[in-house]
Amino acid sequence: MRALAVLGLLSLAGCVGSARVEGFSATGPASFLYTAHTNTVMTANDDGTAERLRRDWIADAVQVHAMCLEGYVIDTRRLVPDAIGPFANGGNILYAGRCL
């Protein structure tokens, strides 16, 4: 019976996803491209909680990659939708930044 309970809990744990789907790459010695995936939880708006979280994630990624010790600036922010149409949900936000 316990084994069945453990299997049930493990199967539920597999259903829990992360809202933090991101990517980071250095595009030069002092520039980078950061991507963050949007969905119904992490909306693409640029003035709300989701955007503030993404900005924190960018700071984390820059620090983890030991870049921009004196700070950075985001030059462009662009949404690339996964699909176009009435049922489109989500996409990637691309942030191009550079070190100060």
C-alpha atoms as a PDB file:
ATOM      1  CA  MET A   1       0.000   0.000   0.000  1.00  0.00           C
ATOM      2  CA  ARG A   2       2.847   2.374   0.828  1.00  0.00           C
ATOM      3  CA  ALA A   3       4.475   1.716  -2.507  1.00  0.00           C
ATOM      4  CA  LEU A   4       1.250   2.711  -4.237  1.00  0.00           C
ATOM      5  CA  ALA A   5       1.091   5.933  -2.204  1.00  0.00           C
ATOM      6  CA  VAL A   6       4.702   6.758  -3.059  1.00  0.00           C
ATOM      7  CA  LEU A   7       4.065   6.141  -6.757  1.00  0.00           C
ATOM      8  CA  GLY A   8       1.014   8.388  -6.599  1.00  0.00           C
ATOM      9  CA  LEU A   9       3.016  11.208  -5.028  1.00  0.00           C
ATOM     10  CA  LEU A  10       5.806  10.835  -7.569  1.00  0.00           C
ATOM     11  CA  SER A  11       3.345  10.992 -10.447  1.00  0.00           C
ATOM     12  CA  LEU A  12       1.876  14.211  -9.019  1.00  0.00           C
ATOM     13  CA  ALA A  13       5.330  15.700  -8.611  1.00  0.00           C
ATOM     14  CA  GLY A  14       5.924  15.119 -12.319  1.00  0.00           C
ATOM     15  CA  CYS A  15       2.944  17.340 -13.120  1.00  0.00           C
ATOM     16  CA  VAL A  16       4.367  20.351 -11.331  1.00  0.00           C
ATOM     17  CA  GLY A  17       6.199  22.556 -13.805  1.00  0.00           C
ATOM     18  CA  SER A  18       8.337  25.595 -13.362  1.00  0.00           C
ATOM     19  CA  ALA A  19       7.305  29.049 -14.481  1.00  0.00           C
ATOM     20  CA  ARG A  20      10.989  29.831 -14.964  1.00  0.00           C
ATOM     21  CA  VAL A  21      11.921  28.707 -18.457  1.00  0.00           C
ATOM     22  CA  GLU A  22      14.919  30.721 -19.561  1.00  0.00           C
ATOM     23  CA  GLY A  23      18.074  30.843 -21.609  1.00  0.00           C
ATOM     24  CA  PHE A  24      21.247  32.919 -21.518  1.00  0.00           C
ATOM     25  CA  SER A  25      24.107  33.313 -23.954  1.00  0.00           C
ATOM     26  CA  ALA A  26      27.008  35.711 -24.225  1.00  0.00           C
ATOM     27  CA  THR A  27      26.938  37.334 -27.661  1.00  0.00           C
ATOM     28  CA  GLY A  28      30.270  39.075 -27.138  1.00  0.00           C
ATOM     29  CA  PRO A  29      32.718  39.901 -24.354  1.00  0.00           C
ATOM     30  CA  ALA A  30      30.342  42.567 -22.992  1.00  0.00           C
ATOM     31  CA  SER A  31      26.928  41.651 -24.412  1.00  0.00           C
ATOM     32  CA  PHE A  32      24.345  38.955 -23.896  1.00  0.00           C
ATOM     33  CA  LEU A  33      20.990  37.601 -25.019  1.00  0.00           C
ATOM     34  CA  TYR A  34      18.513  36.425 -22.397  1.00  0.00           C
ATOM     35  CA  THR A  35      15.280  34.592 -23.235  1.00  0.00           C
ATOM     36  CA  ALA A  36      12.314  33.885 -21.003  1.00  0.00           C
ATOM     37  CA  HIS A  37       9.274  31.843 -21.977  1.00  0.00           C
ATOM     38  CA  THR A  38       5.807  33.224 -21.308  1.00  0.00           C
ATOM     39  CA  ASN A  39       2.555  31.419 -20.608  1.00  0.00           C
ATOM     40  CA  THR A  40      -0.711  32.087 -18.782  1.00  0.00           C
ATOM     41  CA  VAL A  41       1.114  32.300 -15.438  1.00  0.00           C
ATOM     42  CA  MET A  42       4.150  34.295 -16.594  1.00  0.00           C
ATOM     43  CA  THR A  43       2.428  36.720 -18.930  1.00  0.00           C
ATOM     44  CA  ALA A  44       4.254  38.755 -21.550  1.00  0.00           C
ATOM     45  CA  ASN A  45       3.285  42.135 -20.102  1.00  0.00           C
ATOM     46  CA  ASP A  46       6.158  44.527 -19.518  1.00  0.00           C
ATOM     47  CA  ASP A  47       4.719  46.409 -16.544  1.00  0.00           C
ATOM     48  CA  GLY A  48       3.648  43.799 -14.005  1.00  0.00           C
ATOM     49  CA  THR A  49       4.874  41.205 -11.561  1.00  0.00           C
ATOM     50  CA  ALA A  50       5.951  38.774 -14.280  1.00  0.00           C
ATOM     51  CA  GLU A  51       8.254  41.373 -15.819  1.00  0.00           C
ATOM     52  CA  ARG A  52       9.760  42.245 -12.437  1.00  0.00           C
ATOM     53  CA  LEU A  53      10.478  38.547 -11.884  1.00  0.00           C
ATOM     54  CA  ARG A  54      12.094  38.250 -15.312  1.00  0.00           C
ATOM     55  CA  ARG A  55      14.290  41.276 -14.564  1.00  0.00           C
ATOM     56  CA  ASP A  56      15.412  39.544 -11.355  1.00  0.00           C
ATOM     57  CA  TRP A  57      16.141  36.390 -13.373  1.00  0.00           C
ATOM     58  CA  ILE A  58      18.272  38.407 -15.799  1.00  0.00           C
ATOM     59  CA  ALA A  59      20.286  39.780 -12.867  1.00  0.00           C
ATOM     60  CA  ASP A  60      20.741  36.223 -11.556  1.00  0.00           C
ATOM     61  CA  ALA A  61      21.859  34.923 -14.967  1.00  0.00           C
ATOM     62  CA  VAL A  62      24.344  37.768 -15.496  1.00  0.00           C
ATOM     63  CA  GLN A  63      25.820  37.105 -12.062  1.00  0.00           C
ATOM     64  CA  VAL A  64      26.000  33.313 -12.565  1.00  0.00           C
ATOM     65  CA  HIS A  65      27.856  33.852 -15.844  1.00  0.00           C
ATOM     66  CA  ALA A  66      30.264  36.313 -14.141  1.00  0.00           C
ATOM     67  CA  MET A  67      29.452  39.092 -16.584  1.00  0.00           C
ATOM     68  CA  CYS A  68      28.892  42.820 -16.165  1.00  0.00           C
ATOM     69  CA  LEU A  69      30.514  43.324 -12.778  1.00  0.00           C
ATOM     70  CA  GLU A  70      29.797  47.061 -13.037  1.00  0.00           C
ATOM     71  CA  GLY A  71      26.194  46.653 -14.147  1.00  0.00           C
ATOM     72  CA  TYR A  72      24.329  46.224 -17.414  1.00  0.00           C
ATOM     73  CA  VAL A  73      21.586  47.729 -19.499  1.00  0.00           C
ATOM     74  CA  ILE A  74      18.865  46.054 -21.559  1.00  0.00           C
ATOM     75  CA  ASP A  75      18.882  47.620 -25.025  1.00  0.00           C
ATOM     76  CA  THR A  76      15.957  45.757 -26.582  1.00  0.00           C
ATOM     77  CA  ARG A  77      13.042  43.637 -25.442  1.00  0.00           C
ATOM     78  CA  ARG A  78      11.042  41.730 -28.039  1.00  0.00           C
ATOM     79  CA  LEU A  79       8.230  39.163 -27.810  1.00  0.00           C
ATOM     80  CA  VAL A  80       8.354  36.263 -30.252  1.00  0.00           C
ATOM     81  CA  PRO A  81       4.980  34.451 -29.992  1.00  0.00           C
ATOM     82  CA  ASP A  82       4.819  30.660 -30.185  1.00  0.00           C
ATOM     83  CA  ALA A  83       1.814  30.921 -32.501  1.00  0.00           C
ATOM     84  CA  ILE A  84      -0.393  33.550 -34.068  1.00  0.00           C
ATOM     85  CA  GLY A  85      -4.164  33.477 -33.772  1.00  0.00           C
ATOM     86  CA  PRO A  86      -7.007  33.299 -31.290  1.00  0.00           C
ATOM     87  CA  PHE A  87      -5.560  30.293 -29.448  1.00  0.00           C
ATOM     88  CA  ALA A  88      -1.987  31.554 -29.196  1.00  0.00           C
ATOM     89  CA  ASN A  89      -0.592  31.249 -25.700  1.00  0.00           C
ATOM     90  CA  GLY A  90       2.953  32.088 -24.806  1.00  0.00           C
ATOM     91  CA  GLY A  91       6.145  32.841 -26.570  1.00  0.00           C
ATOM     92  CA  ASN A  92       9.664  33.931 -25.837  1.00  0.00           C
ATOM     93  CA  ILE A  93      10.758  37.351 -24.736  1.00  0.00           C
ATOM     94  CA  LEU A  94      14.215  38.197 -25.997  1.00  0.00           C
ATOM     95  CA  TYR A  95      16.311  40.679 -24.052  1.00  0.00           C
ATOM     96  CA  ALA A  96      19.498  41.983 -25.649  1.00  0.00           C
ATOM     97  CA  GLY A  97      21.776  43.583 -23.096  1.00  0.00           C
ATOM     98  CA  ARG A  98      25.282  44.908 -22.685  1.00  0.00           C
ATOM     99  CA  CYS A  99      27.660  45.578 -19.843  1.00  0.00           C
ATOM    100  CA  LEU A 100      28.313  49.120 -18.662  1.00  0.00           C
END
